[in-house]
Amino acid sequence: MKARVPAGSRRGSEDAGGATLAVRVQPRAAKNGIVRMQDGSLKIRLTAPPVDGAANEALIAFLSETFAVSRSSVEIISGQSARQKIIRVSGISEGDVDRLLNNQGQ
């Protein structure tokens, strides 16, 4: 079962199996990083170019490392070829996401 983020929600949602995040990806950045936007969404900067799925692969690898979950726990639900994406991270709660980002100074 895939979680859906309501149209007006920027932050994402949570259920028993994980968290769903609304993100905006910035490929070809100087370095990888996460910035929390004022609306609660996340802007993720990636050094990978948006060619042949390289940015999506880099996004999955970056989020799995950031949230200390396996790569198979991170899924792009929508936005495969767009900058705006909905990401599902299994095995982690919305509170865990907030704590991890706060610990990184976000």
PDB file of N, CA and C in Angstrom:
ATOM      1  N   MET A   1       0.839  -1.178   0.000  1.00  0.00           N
ATOM      2  CA  MET A   1       0.000   0.000   0.000  1.00  0.00           C
ATOM      3  C   MET A   1       0.878   1.233   0.000  1.00  0.00           C
ATOM      4  N   LYS A   2       0.662   2.119  -0.944  1.00  0.00           N
ATOM      5  CA  LYS A   2       1.454   3.334  -1.026  1.00  0.00           C
ATOM      6  C   LYS A   2       0.720   4.481  -0.364  1.00  0.00           C
ATOM      7  N   ALA A   3       1.433   5.237   0.462  1.00  0.00           N
ATOM      8  CA  ALA A   3       0.847   6.399   1.117  1.00  0.00           C
ATOM      9  C   ALA A   3       0.771   7.543   0.124  1.00  0.00           C
ATOM     10  N   ARG A   4      -0.245   8.344   0.243  1.00  0.00           N
ATOM     11  CA  ARG A   4      -0.403   9.490  -0.634  1.00  0.00           C
ATOM     12  C   ARG A   4      -0.289  10.752   0.200  1.00  0.00           C
ATOM     13  N   VAL A   5       0.345  11.745  -0.361  1.00  0.00           N
ATOM     14  CA  VAL A   5       0.448  13.037   0.296  1.00  0.00           C
ATOM     15  C   VAL A   5      -0.694  13.889  -0.229  1.00  0.00           C
ATOM     16  N   PRO A   6      -1.532  14.443   0.644  1.00  0.00           N
ATOM     17  CA  PRO A   6      -2.638  15.281   0.191  1.00  0.00           C
ATOM     18  C   PRO A   6      -2.123  16.453  -0.637  1.00  0.00           C
ATOM     19  N   ALA A   7      -2.939  16.913  -1.587  1.00  0.00           N
ATOM     20  CA  ALA A   7      -2.521  17.949  -2.529  1.00  0.00           C
ATOM     21  C   ALA A   7      -2.029  19.210  -1.839  1.00  0.00           C
ATOM     22  N   GLY A   8      -2.634  19.614  -0.737  1.00  0.00           N
ATOM     23  CA  GLY A   8      -2.227  20.838  -0.056  1.00  0.00           C
ATOM     24  C   GLY A   8      -1.101  20.642   0.934  1.00  0.00           C
ATOM     25  N   SER A   9      -0.659  19.417   1.141  1.00  0.00           N
ATOM     26  CA  SER A   9       0.357  19.127   2.148  1.00  0.00           C
ATOM     27  C   SER A   9       1.750  19.174   1.549  1.00  0.00           C
ATOM     28  N   ARG A  10       2.611  19.946   2.132  1.00  0.00           N
ATOM     29  CA  ARG A  10       3.993  20.011   1.694  1.00  0.00           C
ATOM     30  C   ARG A  10       4.880  19.148   2.562  1.00  0.00           C
ATOM     31  N   ARG A  11       4.485  18.962   3.781  1.00  0.00           N
ATOM     32  CA  ARG A  11       5.335  18.293   4.748  1.00  0.00           C
ATOM     33  C   ARG A  11       5.424  16.796   4.520  1.00  0.00           C
ATOM     34  N   GLY A  12       4.339  16.143   4.227  1.00  0.00           N
ATOM     35  CA  GLY A  12       4.346  14.704   4.078  1.00  0.00           C
ATOM     36  C   GLY A  12       3.430  14.082   5.106  1.00  0.00           C
ATOM     37  N   SER A  13       3.535  12.788   5.271  1.00  0.00           N
ATOM     38  CA  SER A  13       2.679  12.096   6.215  1.00  0.00           C
ATOM     39  C   SER A  13       3.420  10.895   6.784  1.00  0.00           C
ATOM     40  N   GLU A  14       2.739  10.222   7.695  1.00  0.00           N
ATOM     41  CA  GLU A  14       3.355   9.074   8.362  1.00  0.00           C
ATOM     42  C   GLU A  14       2.300   8.015   8.587  1.00  0.00           C
ATOM     43  N   ASP A  15       2.697   6.770   8.500  1.00  0.00           N
ATOM     44  CA  ASP A  15       1.839   5.677   8.910  1.00  0.00           C
ATOM     45  C   ASP A  15       2.709   4.684   9.663  1.00  0.00           C
ATOM     46  N   ALA A  16       2.154   3.534  10.000  1.00  0.00           N
ATOM     47  CA  ALA A  16       2.874   2.575  10.833  1.00  0.00           C
ATOM     48  C   ALA A  16       4.170   2.075  10.195  1.00  0.00           C
ATOM     49  N   GLY A  17       4.256   2.093   8.864  1.00  0.00           N
ATOM     50  CA  GLY A  17       5.420   1.528   8.206  1.00  0.00           C
ATOM     51  C   GLY A  17       6.517   2.505   7.842  1.00  0.00           C
ATOM     52  N   GLY A  18       6.268   3.805   7.940  1.00  0.00           N
ATOM     53  CA  GLY A  18       7.297   4.758   7.558  1.00  0.00           C
ATOM     54  C   GLY A  18       6.765   6.148   7.354  1.00  0.00           C
ATOM     55  N   ALA A  19       7.586   6.997   6.739  1.00  0.00           N
ATOM     56  CA  ALA A  19       7.248   8.396   6.512  1.00  0.00           C
ATOM     57  C   ALA A  19       7.233   8.693   5.019  1.00  0.00           C
ATOM     58  N   THR A  20       6.348   9.599   4.623  1.00  0.00           N
ATOM     59  CA  THR A  20       6.266  10.060   3.245  1.00  0.00           C
ATOM     60  C   THR A  20       6.648  11.529   3.233  1.00  0.00           C
ATOM     61  N   LEU A  21       7.609  11.880   2.373  1.00  0.00           N
ATOM     62  CA  LEU A  21       8.163  13.230   2.354  1.00  0.00           C
ATOM     63  C   LEU A  21       7.956  13.902   1.004  1.00  0.00           C
ATOM     64  N   ALA A  22       7.626  15.185   1.040  1.00  0.00           N
ATOM     65  CA  ALA A  22       7.583  15.997  -0.175  1.00  0.00           C
ATOM     66  C   ALA A  22       8.949  16.669  -0.294  1.00  0.00           C
ATOM     67  N   VAL A  23       9.620  16.455  -1.423  1.00  0.00           N
ATOM     68  CA  VAL A  23      10.962  17.025  -1.605  1.00  0.00           C
ATOM     69  C   VAL A  23      11.070  17.730  -2.958  1.00  0.00           C
ATOM     70  N   ARG A  24      11.978  18.676  -3.021  1.00  0.00           N
ATOM     71  CA  ARG A  24      12.359  19.311  -4.279  1.00  0.00           C
ATOM     72  C   ARG A  24      13.844  19.021  -4.454  1.00  0.00           C
ATOM     73  N   VAL A  25      14.202  18.462  -5.596  1.00  0.00           N
ATOM     74  CA  VAL A  25      15.581  18.060  -5.863  1.00  0.00           C
ATOM     75  C   VAL A  25      16.271  19.113  -6.722  1.00  0.00           C
ATOM     76  N   GLN A  26      17.482  19.465  -6.324  1.00  0.00           N
ATOM     77  CA  GLN A  26      18.321  20.368  -7.107  1.00  0.00           C
ATOM     78  C   GLN A  26      19.549  19.586  -7.564  1.00  0.00           C
ATOM     79  N   PRO A  27      19.524  19.082  -8.809  1.00  0.00           N
ATOM     80  CA  PRO A  27      20.684  18.336  -9.316  1.00  0.00           C
ATOM     81  C   PRO A  27      21.830  19.280  -9.670  1.00  0.00           C
ATOM     82  N   ARG A  28      23.012  18.711  -9.862  1.00  0.00           N
ATOM     83  CA  ARG A  28      24.232  19.445 -10.226  1.00  0.00           C
ATOM     84  C   ARG A  28      24.587  20.546  -9.229  1.00  0.00           C
ATOM     85  N   ALA A  29      24.368  20.277  -7.961  1.00  0.00           N
ATOM     86  CA  ALA A  29      24.745  21.217  -6.904  1.00  0.00           C
ATOM     87  C   ALA A  29      26.229  21.055  -6.596  1.00  0.00           C
ATOM     88  N   ALA A  30      26.794  22.017  -5.900  1.00  0.00           N
ATOM     89  CA  ALA A  30      28.207  21.956  -5.529  1.00  0.00           C
ATOM     90  C   ALA A  30      28.482  20.807  -4.556  1.00  0.00           C
ATOM     91  N   LYS A  31      27.519  20.535  -3.656  1.00  0.00           N
ATOM     92  CA  LYS A  31      27.664  19.429  -2.714  1.00  0.00           C
ATOM     93  C   LYS A  31      26.286  18.916  -2.320  1.00  0.00           C
ATOM     94  N   ASN A  32      26.230  17.687  -1.820  1.00  0.00           N
ATOM     95  CA  ASN A  32      24.976  17.097  -1.365  1.00  0.00           C
ATOM     96  C   ASN A  32      24.555  17.735  -0.052  1.00  0.00           C
ATOM     97  N   GLY A  33      23.247  17.940   0.128  1.00  0.00           N
ATOM     98  CA  GLY A  33      22.755  18.494   1.374  1.00  0.00           C
ATOM     99  C   GLY A  33      21.247  18.583   1.393  1.00  0.00           C
ATOM    100  N   ILE A  34      20.706  18.828   2.596  1.00  0.00           N
ATOM    101  CA  ILE A  34      19.268  18.974   2.797  1.00  0.00           C
ATOM    102  C   ILE A  34      19.005  20.312   3.455  1.00  0.00           C
ATOM    103  N   VAL A  35      17.992  21.006   2.953  1.00  0.00           N
ATOM    104  CA  VAL A  35      17.538  22.263   3.549  1.00  0.00           C
ATOM    105  C   VAL A  35      16.041  22.137   3.789  1.00  0.00           C
ATOM    106  N   ARG A  36      15.597  22.468   4.985  1.00  0.00           N
ATOM    107  CA  ARG A  36      14.167  22.459   5.282  1.00  0.00           C
ATOM    108  C   ARG A  36      13.594  23.803   4.852  1.00  0.00           C
ATOM    109  N   MET A  37      12.563  23.770   4.019  1.00  0.00           N
ATOM    110  CA  MET A  37      11.927  24.976   3.524  1.00  0.00           C
ATOM    111  C   MET A  37      10.899  25.468   4.542  1.00  0.00           C
ATOM    112  N   GLN A  38      10.472  26.728   4.409  1.00  0.00           N
ATOM    113  CA  GLN A  38       9.528  27.299   5.357  1.00  0.00           C
ATOM    114  C   GLN A  38       8.181  26.585   5.360  1.00  0.00           C
ATOM    115  N   ASP A  39       7.800  26.010   4.226  1.00  0.00           N
ATOM    116  CA  ASP A  39       6.510  25.314   4.150  1.00  0.00           C
ATOM    117  C   ASP A  39       6.588  23.883   4.702  1.00  0.00           C
ATOM    118  N   GLY A  40       7.747  23.475   5.198  1.00  0.00           N
ATOM    119  CA  GLY A  40       7.901  22.147   5.787  1.00  0.00           C
ATOM    120  C   GLY A  40       8.453  21.110   4.832  1.00  0.00           C
ATOM    121  N   SER A  41       8.500  21.412   3.540  1.00  0.00           N
ATOM    122  CA  SER A  41       9.065  20.462   2.582  1.00  0.00           C
ATOM    123  C   SER A  41      10.584  20.490   2.678  1.00  0.00           C
ATOM    124  N   LEU A  42      11.221  19.577   1.986  1.00  0.00           N
ATOM    125  CA  LEU A  42      12.680  19.491   1.998  1.00  0.00           C
ATOM    126  C   LEU A  42      13.228  19.809   0.615  1.00  0.00           C
ATOM    127  N   LYS A  43      14.302  20.564   0.572  1.00  0.00           N
ATOM    128  CA  LYS A  43      15.039  20.793  -0.668  1.00  0.00           C
ATOM    129  C   LYS A  43      16.323  19.991  -0.534  1.00  0.00           C
ATOM    130  N   ILE A  44      16.545  19.097  -1.489  1.00  0.00           N
ATOM    131  CA  ILE A  44      17.711  18.227  -1.435  1.00  0.00           C
ATOM    132  C   ILE A  44      18.635  18.570  -2.596  1.00  0.00           C
ATOM    133  N   ARG A  45      19.835  18.955  -2.256  1.00  0.00           N
ATOM    134  CA  ARG A  45      20.844  19.279  -3.263  1.00  0.00           C
ATOM    135  C   ARG A  45      21.685  18.038  -3.525  1.00  0.00           C
ATOM    136  N   LEU A  46      21.875  17.732  -4.807  1.00  0.00           N
ATOM    137  CA  LEU A  46      22.657  16.558  -5.207  1.00  0.00           C
ATOM    138  C   LEU A  46      23.695  16.957  -6.244  1.00  0.00           C
ATOM    139  N   THR A  47      24.872  16.377  -6.156  1.00  0.00           N
ATOM    140  CA  THR A  47      25.918  16.669  -7.140  1.00  0.00           C
ATOM    141  C   THR A  47      25.665  15.948  -8.463  1.00  0.00           C
ATOM    142  N   ALA A  48      24.849  14.929  -8.466  1.00  0.00           N
ATOM    143  CA  ALA A  48      24.590  14.129  -9.671  1.00  0.00           C
ATOM    144  C   ALA A  48      23.789  14.925 -10.701  1.00  0.00           C
ATOM    145  N   PRO A  49      24.051  14.691 -11.982  1.00  0.00           N
ATOM    146  CA  PRO A  49      23.273  15.354 -13.033  1.00  0.00           C
ATOM    147  C   PRO A  49      21.928  14.645 -13.233  1.00  0.00           C
ATOM    148  N   PRO A  50      20.935  15.355 -13.772  1.00  0.00           N
ATOM    149  CA  PRO A  50      19.629  14.739 -14.005  1.00  0.00           C
ATOM    150  C   PRO A  50      19.583  13.984 -15.334  1.00  0.00           C
ATOM    151  N   VAL A  51      20.519  13.071 -15.537  1.00  0.00           N
ATOM    152  CA  VAL A  51      20.637  12.341 -16.799  1.00  0.00           C
ATOM    153  C   VAL A  51      20.573  10.838 -16.521  1.00  0.00           C
ATOM    154  N   ASP A  52      19.767  10.135 -17.285  1.00  0.00           N
ATOM    155  CA  ASP A  52      19.672   8.672 -17.204  1.00  0.00           C
ATOM    156  C   ASP A  52      19.403   8.159 -15.789  1.00  0.00           C
ATOM    157  N   GLY A  53      18.635   8.897 -15.004  1.00  0.00           N
ATOM    158  CA  GLY A  53      18.284   8.445 -13.663  1.00  0.00           C
ATOM    159  C   GLY A  53      19.382   8.596 -12.623  1.00  0.00           C
ATOM    160  N   ALA A  54      20.470   9.267 -12.981  1.00  0.00           N
ATOM    161  CA  ALA A  54      21.592   9.414 -12.038  1.00  0.00           C
ATOM    162  C   ALA A  54      21.189  10.205 -10.795  1.00  0.00           C
ATOM    163  N   ALA A  55      20.387  11.244 -10.967  1.00  0.00           N
ATOM    164  CA  ALA A  55      19.960  12.041  -9.814  1.00  0.00           C
ATOM    165  C   ALA A  55      19.030  11.238  -8.911  1.00  0.00           C
ATOM    166  N   ASN A  56      18.149  10.426  -9.488  1.00  0.00           N
ATOM    167  CA  ASN A  56      17.263   9.588  -8.669  1.00  0.00           C
ATOM    168  C   ASN A  56      18.061   8.565  -7.876  1.00  0.00           C
ATOM    169  N   GLU A  57      19.033   7.953  -8.508  1.00  0.00           N
ATOM    170  CA  GLU A  57      19.885   6.993  -7.799  1.00  0.00           C
ATOM    171  C   GLU A  57      20.670   7.677  -6.681  1.00  0.00           C
ATOM    172  N   ALA A  58      21.188   8.867  -6.970  1.00  0.00           N
ATOM    173  CA  ALA A  58      21.925   9.622  -5.955  1.00  0.00           C
ATOM    174  C   ALA A  58      21.000  10.028  -4.814  1.00  0.00           C
ATOM    175  N   LEU A  59      19.764  10.382  -5.133  1.00  0.00           N
ATOM    176  CA  LEU A  59      18.779  10.755  -4.112  1.00  0.00           C
ATOM    177  C   LEU A  59      18.507   9.579  -3.177  1.00  0.00           C
ATOM    178  N   ILE A  60      18.274   8.409  -3.737  1.00  0.00           N
ATOM    179  CA  ILE A  60      18.010   7.225  -2.923  1.00  0.00           C
ATOM    180  C   ILE A  60      19.214   6.898  -2.040  1.00  0.00           C
ATOM    181  N   ALA A  61      20.408   6.948  -2.606  1.00  0.00           N
ATOM    182  CA  ALA A  61      21.622   6.659  -1.830  1.00  0.00           C
ATOM    183  C   ALA A  61      21.819   7.690  -0.717  1.00  0.00           C
ATOM    184  N   PHE A  62      21.611   8.960  -1.036  1.00  0.00           N
ATOM    185  CA  PHE A  62      21.801  10.032  -0.059  1.00  0.00           C
ATOM    186  C   PHE A  62      20.804   9.906   1.093  1.00  0.00           C
ATOM    187  N   LEU A  63      19.523   9.664   0.776  1.00  0.00           N
ATOM    188  CA  LEU A  63      18.514   9.548   1.834  1.00  0.00           C
ATOM    189  C   LEU A  63      18.708   8.297   2.675  1.00  0.00           C
ATOM    190  N   SER A  64      19.117   7.200   2.054  1.00  0.00           N
ATOM    191  CA  SER A  64      19.348   5.982   2.839  1.00  0.00           C
ATOM    192  C   SER A  64      20.505   6.183   3.813  1.00  0.00           C
ATOM    193  N   GLU A  65      21.536   6.897   3.382  1.00  0.00           N
ATOM    194  CA  GLU A  65      22.659   7.192   4.280  1.00  0.00           C
ATOM    195  C   GLU A  65      22.245   8.187   5.368  1.00  0.00           C
ATOM    196  N   THR A  66      21.523   9.229   4.985  1.00  0.00           N
ATOM    197  CA  THR A  66      21.099  10.261   5.934  1.00  0.00           C
ATOM    198  C   THR A  66      20.205   9.703   7.029  1.00  0.00           C
ATOM    199  N   PHE A  67      19.256   8.844   6.651  1.00  0.00           N
ATOM    200  CA  PHE A  67      18.299   8.309   7.610  1.00  0.00           C
ATOM    201  C   PHE A  67      18.692   6.935   8.152  1.00  0.00           C
ATOM    202  N   ALA A  68      19.876   6.444   7.790  1.00  0.00           N
ATOM    203  CA  ALA A  68      20.421   5.175   8.281  1.00  0.00           C
ATOM    204  C   ALA A  68      19.453   4.016   8.047  1.00  0.00           C
ATOM    205  N   VAL A  69      18.945   3.926   6.810  1.00  0.00           N
ATOM    206  CA  VAL A  69      18.099   2.820   6.407  1.00  0.00           C
ATOM    207  C   VAL A  69      18.692   2.215   5.138  1.00  0.00           C
ATOM    208  N   SER A  70      18.223   1.045   4.763  1.00  0.00           N
ATOM    209  CA  SER A  70      18.730   0.423   3.540  1.00  0.00           C
ATOM    210  C   SER A  70      18.197   1.165   2.316  1.00  0.00           C
ATOM    211  N   ARG A  71      18.905   1.014   1.199  1.00  0.00           N
ATOM    212  CA  ARG A  71      18.476   1.650  -0.048  1.00  0.00           C
ATOM    213  C   ARG A  71      17.093   1.169  -0.470  1.00  0.00           C
ATOM    214  N   SER A  72      16.786  -0.089  -0.181  1.00  0.00           N
ATOM    215  CA  SER A  72      15.472  -0.623  -0.552  1.00  0.00           C
ATOM    216  C   SER A  72      14.344  -0.031   0.290  1.00  0.00           C
ATOM    217  N   SER A  73      14.672   0.657   1.373  1.00  0.00           N
ATOM    218  CA  SER A  73      13.669   1.306   2.218  1.00  0.00           C
ATOM    219  C   SER A  73      13.257   2.670   1.688  1.00  0.00           C
ATOM    220  N   VAL A  74      13.970   3.190   0.691  1.00  0.00           N
ATOM    221  CA  VAL A  74      13.677   4.505   0.122  1.00  0.00           C
ATOM    222  C   VAL A  74      13.073   4.295  -1.259  1.00  0.00           C
ATOM    223  N   GLU A  75      11.884   4.856  -1.466  1.00  0.00           N
ATOM    224  CA  GLU A  75      11.173   4.675  -2.736  1.00  0.00           C
ATOM    225  C   GLU A  75      10.658   6.019  -3.241  1.00  0.00           C
ATOM    226  N   ILE A  76      10.850   6.278  -4.524  1.00  0.00           N
ATOM    227  CA  ILE A  76      10.281   7.465  -5.145  1.00  0.00           C
ATOM    228  C   ILE A  76       8.869   7.085  -5.586  1.00  0.00           C
ATOM    229  N   ILE A  77       7.859   7.630  -4.910  1.00  0.00           N
ATOM    230  CA  ILE A  77       6.470   7.289  -5.198  1.00  0.00           C
ATOM    231  C   ILE A  77       5.990   8.027  -6.443  1.00  0.00           C
ATOM    232  N   SER A  78       6.305   9.316  -6.531  1.00  0.00           N
ATOM    233  CA  SER A  78       5.906  10.073  -7.715  1.00  0.00           C
ATOM    234  C   SER A  78       6.975  11.114  -8.027  1.00  0.00           C
ATOM    235  N   GLY A  79       7.006  11.520  -9.293  1.00  0.00           N
ATOM    236  CA  GLY A  79       7.969  12.528  -9.715  1.00  0.00           C
ATOM    237  C   GLY A  79       9.269  11.951 -10.232  1.00  0.00           C
ATOM    238  N   GLN A  80       9.220  10.775 -10.821  1.00  0.00           N
ATOM    239  CA  GLN A  80      10.438  10.123 -11.328  1.00  0.00           C
ATOM    240  C   GLN A  80      11.260  11.044 -12.209  1.00  0.00           C
ATOM    241  N   SER A  81      10.612  11.841 -13.054  1.00  0.00           N
ATOM    242  CA  SER A  81      11.356  12.704 -13.971  1.00  0.00           C
ATOM    243  C   SER A  81      11.145  14.180 -13.666  1.00  0.00           C
ATOM    244  N   ALA A  82      10.675  14.497 -12.467  1.00  0.00           N
ATOM    245  CA  ALA A  82      10.429  15.884 -12.072  1.00  0.00           C
ATOM    246  C   ALA A  82      11.316  16.265 -10.896  1.00  0.00           C
ATOM    247  N   ARG A  83      11.434  17.556 -10.663  1.00  0.00           N
ATOM    248  CA  ARG A  83      12.200  18.011  -9.499  1.00  0.00           C
ATOM    249  C   ARG A  83      11.409  17.845  -8.212  1.00  0.00           C
ATOM    250  N   GLN A  84      10.086  18.009  -8.284  1.00  0.00           N
ATOM    251  CA  GLN A  84       9.215  17.797  -7.135  1.00  0.00           C
ATOM    252  C   GLN A  84       8.936  16.305  -7.045  1.00  0.00           C
ATOM    253  N   LYS A  85       9.208  15.706  -5.900  1.00  0.00           N
ATOM    254  CA  LYS A  85       9.032  14.267  -5.732  1.00  0.00           C
ATOM    255  C   LYS A  85       8.343  13.965  -4.406  1.00  0.00           C
ATOM    256  N   ILE A  86       7.687  12.837  -4.378  1.00  0.00           N
ATOM    257  CA  ILE A  86       7.144  12.288  -3.140  1.00  0.00           C
ATOM    258  C   ILE A  86       7.973  11.043  -2.846  1.00  0.00           C
ATOM    259  N   ILE A  87       8.592  11.030  -1.673  1.00  0.00           N
ATOM    260  CA  ILE A  87       9.500   9.953  -1.273  1.00  0.00           C
ATOM    261  C   ILE A  87       8.906   9.203  -0.095  1.00  0.00           C
ATOM    262  N   ARG A  88       8.977   7.893  -0.148  1.00  0.00           N
ATOM    263  CA  ARG A  88       8.528   7.038   0.952  1.00  0.00           C
ATOM    264  C   ARG A  88       9.751   6.398   1.584  1.00  0.00           C
ATOM    265  N   VAL A  89       9.911   6.593   2.894  1.00  0.00           N
ATOM    266  CA  VAL A  89      11.024   5.994   3.628  1.00  0.00           C
ATOM    267  C   VAL A  89      10.429   5.021   4.641  1.00  0.00           C
ATOM    268  N   SER A  90      10.618   3.729   4.410  1.00  0.00           N
ATOM    269  CA  SER A  90      10.093   2.698   5.299  1.00  0.00           C
ATOM    270  C   SER A  90      11.017   2.517   6.501  1.00  0.00           C
ATOM    271  N   GLY A  91      10.413   2.166   7.617  1.00  0.00           N
ATOM    272  CA  GLY A  91      11.204   1.860   8.802  1.00  0.00           C
ATOM    273  C   GLY A  91      11.637   3.081   9.599  1.00  0.00           C
ATOM    274  N   ILE A  92      11.050   4.241   9.309  1.00  0.00           N
ATOM    275  CA  ILE A  92      11.408   5.464  10.030  1.00  0.00           C
ATOM    276  C   ILE A  92      10.136   6.292  10.186  1.00  0.00           C
ATOM    277  N   SER A  93      10.002   6.975  11.313  1.00  0.00           N
ATOM    278  CA  SER A  93       8.811   7.785  11.559  1.00  0.00           C
ATOM    279  C   SER A  93       9.083   9.246  11.211  1.00  0.00           C
ATOM    280  N   GLU A  94       8.026  10.012  11.109  1.00  0.00           N
ATOM    281  CA  GLU A  94       8.152  11.452  10.840  1.00  0.00           C
ATOM    282  C   GLU A  94       8.947  12.125  11.967  1.00  0.00           C
ATOM    283  N   GLY A  95       8.742  11.669  13.198  1.00  0.00           N
ATOM    284  CA  GLY A  95       9.506  12.202  14.332  1.00  0.00           C
ATOM    285  C   GLY A  95      10.988  11.899  14.202  1.00  0.00           C
ATOM    286  N   ASP A  96      11.313  10.698  13.717  1.00  0.00           N
ATOM    287  CA  ASP A  96      12.718  10.336  13.490  1.00  0.00           C
ATOM    288  C   ASP A  96      13.340  11.242  12.430  1.00  0.00           C
ATOM    289  N   VAL A  97      12.576  11.519  11.366  1.00  0.00           N
ATOM    290  CA  VAL A  97      13.063  12.407  10.308  1.00  0.00           C
ATOM    291  C   VAL A  97      13.374  13.781  10.897  1.00  0.00           C
ATOM    292  N   ASP A  98      12.452  14.330  11.694  1.00  0.00           N
ATOM    293  CA  ASP A  98      12.666  15.643  12.320  1.00  0.00           C
ATOM    294  C   ASP A  98      13.899  15.638  13.212  1.00  0.00           C
ATOM    295  N   ARG A  99      14.038  14.597  14.026  1.00  0.00           N
ATOM    296  CA  ARG A  99      15.185  14.526  14.943  1.00  0.00           C
ATOM    297  C   ARG A  99      16.501  14.455  14.173  1.00  0.00           C
ATOM    298  N   LEU A 100      16.559  13.618  13.139  1.00  0.00           N
ATOM    299  CA  LEU A 100      17.786  13.486  12.356  1.00  0.00           C
ATOM    300  C   LEU A 100      18.152  14.800  11.655  1.00  0.00           C
ATOM    301  N   LEU A 101      17.162  15.484  11.111  1.00  0.00           N
ATOM    302  CA  LEU A 101      17.443  16.756  10.446  1.00  0.00           C
ATOM    303  C   LEU A 101      17.833  17.843  11.448  1.00  0.00           C
ATOM    304  N   ASN A 102      17.214  17.833  12.614  1.00  0.00           N
ATOM    305  CA  ASN A 102      17.581  18.800  13.655  1.00  0.00           C
ATOM    306  C   ASN A 102      19.000  18.563  14.141  1.00  0.00           C
ATOM    307  N   ASN A 103      19.416  17.295  14.243  1.00  0.00           N
ATOM    308  CA  ASN A 103      20.775  16.972  14.658  1.00  0.00           C
ATOM    309  C   ASN A 103      21.806  17.420  13.638  1.00  0.00           C
ATOM    310  N   GLN A 104      21.388  17.507  12.375  1.00  0.00           N
ATOM    311  CA  GLN A 104      22.290  17.971  11.317  1.00  0.00           C
ATOM    312  C   GLN A 104      22.248  19.489  11.171  1.00  0.00           C
ATOM    313  N   GLY A 105      21.458  20.148  12.005  1.00  0.00           N
ATOM    314  CA  GLY A 105      21.386  21.612  11.950  1.00  0.00           C
ATOM    315  C   GLY A 105      20.409  22.132  10.914  1.00  0.00           C
ATOM    316  N   GLN A 106      19.442  21.326  10.515  1.00  0.00           N
ATOM    317  CA  GLN A 106      18.470  21.758   9.508  1.00  0.00           C
ATOM    318  C   GLN A 106      17.247  22.300  10.173  1.00  0.00           C
TER     319      GLN A 106
END
